[in-house]
Amino acid sequence: VIMEPLKSKIFSYCTTNINPPGELQLNQWLEENPEIEIVHVLQSESMTVHKEKLERNLTITLLYRLA
């Protein structure tokens, strides 16, 4: 059996808002790509102060294969 190679899709957001639009964009991408098999999901978060405001960076990486 030959398996399709793994691919990745990275969603990254920097925001001063605690609720970035990432969830909507992630859901839209998943809806547009129903033929994928998600193999693994990675999430990382960091915060920094930028121009005296707390800035949040959220990165979600999907490892997937075309089903």
PDB file of N, CA and C in Angstrom:
ATOM      1  N   VAL A   1       0.840  -1.176   0.000  1.00  0.00           N
ATOM      2  CA  VAL A   1       0.000   0.000   0.000  1.00  0.00           C
ATOM      3  C   VAL A   1       0.890   1.246   0.000  1.00  0.00           C
ATOM      4  N   ILE A   2       0.679   2.110  -0.956  1.00  0.00           N
ATOM      5  CA  ILE A   2       1.428   3.369  -1.040  1.00  0.00           C
ATOM      6  C   ILE A   2       0.611   4.450  -0.352  1.00  0.00           C
ATOM      7  N   MET A   3       1.241   5.104   0.613  1.00  0.00           N
ATOM      8  CA  MET A   3       0.553   6.169   1.348  1.00  0.00           C
ATOM      9  C   MET A   3       0.932   7.518   0.760  1.00  0.00           C
ATOM     10  N   GLU A   4      -0.023   8.408   0.770  1.00  0.00           N
ATOM     11  CA  GLU A   4       0.240   9.773   0.332  1.00  0.00           C
ATOM     12  C   GLU A   4       1.204  10.434   1.318  1.00  0.00           C
ATOM     13  N   PRO A   5       2.094  11.310   0.839  1.00  0.00           N
ATOM     14  CA  PRO A   5       3.020  11.998   1.763  1.00  0.00           C
ATOM     15  C   PRO A   5       2.265  12.963   2.673  1.00  0.00           C
ATOM     16  N   LEU A   6       2.845  13.217   3.829  1.00  0.00           N
ATOM     17  CA  LEU A   6       2.263  14.187   4.747  1.00  0.00           C
ATOM     18  C   LEU A   6       2.476  15.592   4.221  1.00  0.00           C
ATOM     19  N   LYS A   7       1.518  16.457   4.475  1.00  0.00           N
ATOM     20  CA  LYS A   7       1.605  17.869   4.129  1.00  0.00           C
ATOM     21  C   LYS A   7       1.325  18.653   5.391  1.00  0.00           C
ATOM     22  N   SER A   8       1.610  19.935   5.364  1.00  0.00           N
ATOM     23  CA  SER A   8       1.326  20.751   6.552  1.00  0.00           C
ATOM     24  C   SER A   8       0.620  22.040   6.144  1.00  0.00           C
ATOM     25  N   LYS A   9      -0.169  22.538   7.062  1.00  0.00           N
ATOM     26  CA  LYS A   9      -0.842  23.824   6.909  1.00  0.00           C
ATOM     27  C   LYS A   9      -0.636  24.549   8.225  1.00  0.00           C
ATOM     28  N   ILE A  10      -0.103  25.776   8.164  1.00  0.00           N
ATOM     29  CA  ILE A  10       0.210  26.539   9.363  1.00  0.00           C
ATOM     30  C   ILE A  10      -0.663  27.781   9.418  1.00  0.00           C
ATOM     31  N   PHE A  11      -1.329  27.946  10.542  1.00  0.00           N
ATOM     32  CA  PHE A  11      -2.129  29.132  10.817  1.00  0.00           C
ATOM     33  C   PHE A  11      -1.418  29.871  11.937  1.00  0.00           C
ATOM     34  N   SER A  12      -1.071  31.136  11.721  1.00  0.00           N
ATOM     35  CA  SER A  12      -0.359  31.899  12.740  1.00  0.00           C
ATOM     36  C   SER A  12      -1.005  33.274  12.866  1.00  0.00           C
ATOM     37  N   TYR A  13      -1.219  33.692  14.105  1.00  0.00           N
ATOM     38  CA  TYR A  13      -1.909  34.952  14.358  1.00  0.00           C
ATOM     39  C   TYR A  13      -1.202  35.717  15.465  1.00  0.00           C
ATOM     40  N   CYS A  14      -0.995  36.993  15.262  1.00  0.00           N
ATOM     41  CA  CYS A  14      -0.508  37.894  16.301  1.00  0.00           C
ATOM     42  C   CYS A  14      -1.628  38.894  16.552  1.00  0.00           C
ATOM     43  N   THR A  15      -1.971  39.075  17.809  1.00  0.00           N
ATOM     44  CA  THR A  15      -3.093  39.947  18.113  1.00  0.00           C
ATOM     45  C   THR A  15      -3.000  40.478  19.531  1.00  0.00           C
ATOM     46  N   THR A  16      -3.610  41.599  19.767  1.00  0.00           N
ATOM     47  CA  THR A  16      -3.759  42.114  21.128  1.00  0.00           C
ATOM     48  C   THR A  16      -5.122  41.731  21.676  1.00  0.00           C
ATOM     49  N   ASN A  17      -5.946  41.128  20.841  1.00  0.00           N
ATOM     50  CA  ASN A  17      -7.276  40.671  21.226  1.00  0.00           C
ATOM     51  C   ASN A  17      -7.168  39.226  21.705  1.00  0.00           C
ATOM     52  N   ILE A  18      -7.813  38.890  22.780  1.00  0.00           N
ATOM     53  CA  ILE A  18      -7.731  37.536  23.325  1.00  0.00           C
ATOM     54  C   ILE A  18      -8.419  36.512  22.429  1.00  0.00           C
ATOM     55  N   ASN A  19      -9.336  36.949  21.548  1.00  0.00           N
ATOM     56  CA  ASN A  19     -10.038  36.038  20.648  1.00  0.00           C
ATOM     57  C   ASN A  19      -9.712  36.355  19.188  1.00  0.00           C
ATOM     58  N   PRO A  20      -8.578  35.878  18.692  1.00  0.00           N
ATOM     59  CA  PRO A  20      -8.222  36.165  17.295  1.00  0.00           C
ATOM     60  C   PRO A  20      -9.157  35.457  16.320  1.00  0.00           C
ATOM     61  N   PRO A  21      -9.160  35.882  15.064  1.00  0.00           N
ATOM     62  CA  PRO A  21     -10.059  35.285  14.062  1.00  0.00           C
ATOM     63  C   PRO A  21      -9.574  33.932  13.569  1.00  0.00           C
ATOM     64  N   GLY A  22      -8.570  33.376  14.202  1.00  0.00           N
ATOM     65  CA  GLY A  22      -7.977  32.118  13.744  1.00  0.00           C
ATOM     66  C   GLY A  22      -8.948  30.965  13.676  1.00  0.00           C
ATOM     67  N   GLU A  23      -9.839  30.860  14.644  1.00  0.00           N
ATOM     68  CA  GLU A  23     -10.787  29.750  14.653  1.00  0.00           C
ATOM     69  C   GLU A  23     -11.658  29.774  13.409  1.00  0.00           C
ATOM     70  N   LEU A  24     -12.114  30.958  13.017  1.00  0.00           N
ATOM     71  CA  LEU A  24     -12.954  31.069  11.824  1.00  0.00           C
ATOM     72  C   LEU A  24     -12.182  30.692  10.569  1.00  0.00           C
ATOM     73  N   GLN A  25     -10.931  31.163  10.462  1.00  0.00           N
ATOM     74  CA  GLN A  25     -10.128  30.844   9.283  1.00  0.00           C
ATOM     75  C   GLN A  25      -9.771  29.361   9.240  1.00  0.00           C
ATOM     76  N   LEU A  26      -9.480  28.785  10.393  1.00  0.00           N
ATOM     77  CA  LEU A  26      -9.172  27.356  10.464  1.00  0.00           C
ATOM     78  C   LEU A  26     -10.392  26.536  10.049  1.00  0.00           C
ATOM     79  N   ASN A  27     -11.550  26.872  10.601  1.00  0.00           N
ATOM     80  CA  ASN A  27     -12.775  26.145  10.240  1.00  0.00           C
ATOM     81  C   ASN A  27     -13.101  26.285   8.763  1.00  0.00           C
ATOM     82  N   GLN A  28     -12.890  27.476   8.202  1.00  0.00           N
ATOM     83  CA  GLN A  28     -13.157  27.692   6.779  1.00  0.00           C
ATOM     84  C   GLN A  28     -12.227  26.833   5.929  1.00  0.00           C
ATOM     85  N   TRP A  29     -10.934  26.778   6.305  1.00  0.00           N
ATOM     86  CA  TRP A  29      -9.981  25.974   5.538  1.00  0.00           C
ATOM     87  C   TRP A  29     -10.359  24.498   5.604  1.00  0.00           C
ATOM     88  N   LEU A  30     -10.764  24.019   6.782  1.00  0.00           N
ATOM     89  CA  LEU A  30     -11.173  22.617   6.916  1.00  0.00           C
ATOM     90  C   LEU A  30     -12.418  22.333   6.074  1.00  0.00           C
ATOM     91  N   GLU A  31     -13.348  23.261   6.050  1.00  0.00           N
ATOM     92  CA  GLU A  31     -14.557  23.095   5.239  1.00  0.00           C
ATOM     93  C   GLU A  31     -14.220  23.033   3.752  1.00  0.00           C
ATOM     94  N   GLU A  32     -13.230  23.815   3.330  1.00  0.00           N
ATOM     95  CA  GLU A  32     -12.825  23.847   1.922  1.00  0.00           C
ATOM     96  C   GLU A  32     -11.979  22.635   1.528  1.00  0.00           C
ATOM     97  N   ASN A  33     -11.511  21.871   2.511  1.00  0.00           N
ATOM     98  CA  ASN A  33     -10.633  20.727   2.251  1.00  0.00           C
ATOM     99  C   ASN A  33     -11.166  19.466   2.926  1.00  0.00           C
ATOM    100  N   PRO A  34     -12.370  19.017   2.551  1.00  0.00           N
ATOM    101  CA  PRO A  34     -12.973  17.866   3.232  1.00  0.00           C
ATOM    102  C   PRO A  34     -12.275  16.539   2.929  1.00  0.00           C
ATOM    103  N   GLU A  35     -11.399  16.518   1.925  1.00  0.00           N
ATOM    104  CA  GLU A  35     -10.775  15.264   1.506  1.00  0.00           C
ATOM    105  C   GLU A  35      -9.511  14.936   2.291  1.00  0.00           C
ATOM    106  N   ILE A  36      -9.194  15.712   3.317  1.00  0.00           N
ATOM    107  CA  ILE A  36      -7.958  15.464   4.058  1.00  0.00           C
ATOM    108  C   ILE A  36      -8.193  14.570   5.273  1.00  0.00           C
ATOM    109  N   GLU A  37      -7.116  13.908   5.664  1.00  0.00           N
ATOM    110  CA  GLU A  37      -7.080  13.145   6.907  1.00  0.00           C
ATOM    111  C   GLU A  37      -6.066  13.841   7.808  1.00  0.00           C
ATOM    112  N   ILE A  38      -6.514  14.392   8.918  1.00  0.00           N
ATOM    113  CA  ILE A  38      -5.604  15.067   9.836  1.00  0.00           C
ATOM    114  C   ILE A  38      -4.864  14.001  10.634  1.00  0.00           C
ATOM    115  N   VAL A  39      -3.539  14.072  10.586  1.00  0.00           N
ATOM    116  CA  VAL A  39      -2.691  13.089  11.249  1.00  0.00           C
ATOM    117  C   VAL A  39      -2.258  13.588  12.628  1.00  0.00           C
ATOM    118  N   HIS A  40      -1.972  14.888  12.731  1.00  0.00           N
ATOM    119  CA  HIS A  40      -1.496  15.442  13.994  1.00  0.00           C
ATOM    120  C   HIS A  40      -1.745  16.948  14.013  1.00  0.00           C
ATOM    121  N   VAL A  41      -2.015  17.485  15.200  1.00  0.00           N
ATOM    122  CA  VAL A  41      -2.224  18.918  15.376  1.00  0.00           C
ATOM    123  C   VAL A  41      -1.248  19.411  16.437  1.00  0.00           C
ATOM    124  N   LEU A  42      -0.535  20.484  16.124  1.00  0.00           N
ATOM    125  CA  LEU A  42       0.386  21.105  17.070  1.00  0.00           C
ATOM    126  C   LEU A  42      -0.075  22.527  17.322  1.00  0.00           C
ATOM    127  N   GLN A  43       0.044  22.970  18.572  1.00  0.00           N
ATOM    128  CA  GLN A  43      -0.323  24.345  18.905  1.00  0.00           C
ATOM    129  C   GLN A  43       0.772  24.933  19.775  1.00  0.00           C
ATOM    130  N   SER A  44       1.149  26.173  19.475  1.00  0.00           N
ATOM    131  CA  SER A  44       2.098  26.877  20.335  1.00  0.00           C
ATOM    132  C   SER A  44       1.593  28.299  20.531  1.00  0.00           C
ATOM    133  N   GLU A  45       1.916  28.836  21.694  1.00  0.00           N
ATOM    134  CA  GLU A  45       1.470  30.172  22.052  1.00  0.00           C
ATOM    135  C   GLU A  45       2.614  30.911  22.720  1.00  0.00           C
ATOM    136  N   SER A  46       2.675  32.195  22.474  1.00  0.00           N
ATOM    137  CA  SER A  46       3.635  33.035  23.179  1.00  0.00           C
ATOM    138  C   SER A  46       3.027  34.419  23.340  1.00  0.00           C
ATOM    139  N   MET A  47       3.572  35.162  24.280  1.00  0.00           N
ATOM    140  CA  MET A  47       3.105  36.527  24.509  1.00  0.00           C
ATOM    141  C   MET A  47       4.306  37.443  24.652  1.00  0.00           C
ATOM    142  N   THR A  48       4.105  38.679  24.232  1.00  0.00           N
ATOM    143  CA  THR A  48       5.148  39.680  24.344  1.00  0.00           C
ATOM    144  C   THR A  48       4.492  41.038  24.541  1.00  0.00           C
ATOM    145  N   VAL A  49       5.258  41.993  24.972  1.00  0.00           N
ATOM    146  CA  VAL A  49       4.757  43.360  25.085  1.00  0.00           C
ATOM    147  C   VAL A  49       5.288  44.127  23.876  1.00  0.00           C
ATOM    148  N   HIS A  50       4.364  44.705  23.131  1.00  0.00           N
ATOM    149  CA  HIS A  50       4.711  45.451  21.920  1.00  0.00           C
ATOM    150  C   HIS A  50       3.997  46.799  21.993  1.00  0.00           C
ATOM    151  N   LYS A  51       4.752  47.869  21.999  1.00  0.00           N
ATOM    152  CA  LYS A  51       4.182  49.217  22.111  1.00  0.00           C
ATOM    153  C   LYS A  51       3.261  49.329  23.324  1.00  0.00           C
ATOM    154  N   GLU A  52       3.741  48.799  24.439  1.00  0.00           N
ATOM    155  CA  GLU A  52       3.063  48.852  25.732  1.00  0.00           C
ATOM    156  C   GLU A  52       1.745  48.080  25.778  1.00  0.00           C
ATOM    157  N   LYS A  53       1.533  47.196  24.820  1.00  0.00           N
ATOM    158  CA  LYS A  53       0.354  46.334  24.825  1.00  0.00           C
ATOM    159  C   LYS A  53       0.810  44.880  24.808  1.00  0.00           C
ATOM    160  N   LEU A  54       0.043  44.043  25.470  1.00  0.00           N
ATOM    161  CA  LEU A  54       0.321  42.618  25.467  1.00  0.00           C
ATOM    162  C   LEU A  54      -0.127  42.045  24.129  1.00  0.00           C
ATOM    163  N   GLU A  55       0.797  41.377  23.443  1.00  0.00           N
ATOM    164  CA  GLU A  55       0.491  40.799  22.138  1.00  0.00           C
ATOM    165  C   GLU A  55       0.614  39.287  22.227  1.00  0.00           C
ATOM    166  N   ARG A  56      -0.375  38.621  21.733  1.00  0.00           N
ATOM    167  CA  ARG A  56      -0.433  37.157  21.774  1.00  0.00           C
ATOM    168  C   ARG A  56      -0.130  36.605  20.390  1.00  0.00           C
ATOM    169  N   ASN A  57       0.692  35.572  20.339  1.00  0.00           N
ATOM    170  CA  ASN A  57       0.985  34.878  19.092  1.00  0.00           C
ATOM    171  C   ASN A  57       0.516  33.442  19.240  1.00  0.00           C
ATOM    172  N   LEU A  58      -0.366  33.033  18.366  1.00  0.00           N
ATOM    173  CA  LEU A  58      -0.890  31.671  18.378  1.00  0.00           C
ATOM    174  C   LEU A  58      -0.578  31.029  17.033  1.00  0.00           C
ATOM    175  N   THR A  59       0.032  29.857  17.081  1.00  0.00           N
ATOM    176  CA  THR A  59       0.333  29.117  15.858  1.00  0.00           C
ATOM    177  C   THR A  59      -0.258  27.720  15.971  1.00  0.00           C
ATOM    178  N   ILE A  60      -1.018  27.344  14.967  1.00  0.00           N
ATOM    179  CA  ILE A  60      -1.577  25.999  14.887  1.00  0.00           C
ATOM    180  C   ILE A  60      -1.051  25.363  13.610  1.00  0.00           C
ATOM    181  N   THR A  61      -0.468  24.192  13.753  1.00  0.00           N
ATOM    182  CA  THR A  61       0.067  23.465  12.606  1.00  0.00           C
ATOM    183  C   THR A  61      -0.699  22.161  12.459  1.00  0.00           C
ATOM    184  N   LEU A  62      -1.228  21.945  11.281  1.00  0.00           N
ATOM    185  CA  LEU A  62      -1.919  20.688  10.970  1.00  0.00           C
ATOM    186  C   LEU A  62      -1.021  19.845  10.071  1.00  0.00           C
ATOM    187  N   LEU A  63      -0.785  18.616  10.460  1.00  0.00           N
ATOM    188  CA  LEU A  63      -0.129  17.664   9.577  1.00  0.00           C
ATOM    189  C   LEU A  63      -1.240  16.798   9.015  1.00  0.00           C
ATOM    190  N   TYR A  64      -1.305  16.722   7.701  1.00  0.00           N
ATOM    191  CA  TYR A  64      -2.425  16.017   7.089  1.00  0.00           C
ATOM    192  C   TYR A  64      -1.980  15.256   5.853  1.00  0.00           C
ATOM    193  N   ARG A  65      -2.870  14.429   5.410  1.00  0.00           N
ATOM    194  CA  ARG A  65      -2.627  13.619   4.215  1.00  0.00           C
ATOM    195  C   ARG A  65      -3.901  13.688   3.390  1.00  0.00           C
ATOM    196  N   LEU A  66      -3.746  13.716   2.081  1.00  0.00           N
ATOM    197  CA  LEU A  66      -4.912  13.644   1.211  1.00  0.00           C
ATOM    198  C   LEU A  66      -5.477  12.239   1.291  1.00  0.00           C
ATOM    199  N   ALA A  67      -6.751  12.151   1.617  1.00  0.00           N
ATOM    200  CA  ALA A  67      -7.380  10.823   1.796  1.00  0.00           C
ATOM    201  C   ALA A  67      -7.723  10.182   0.474  1.00  0.00           C
TER     202      ALA A  67
END
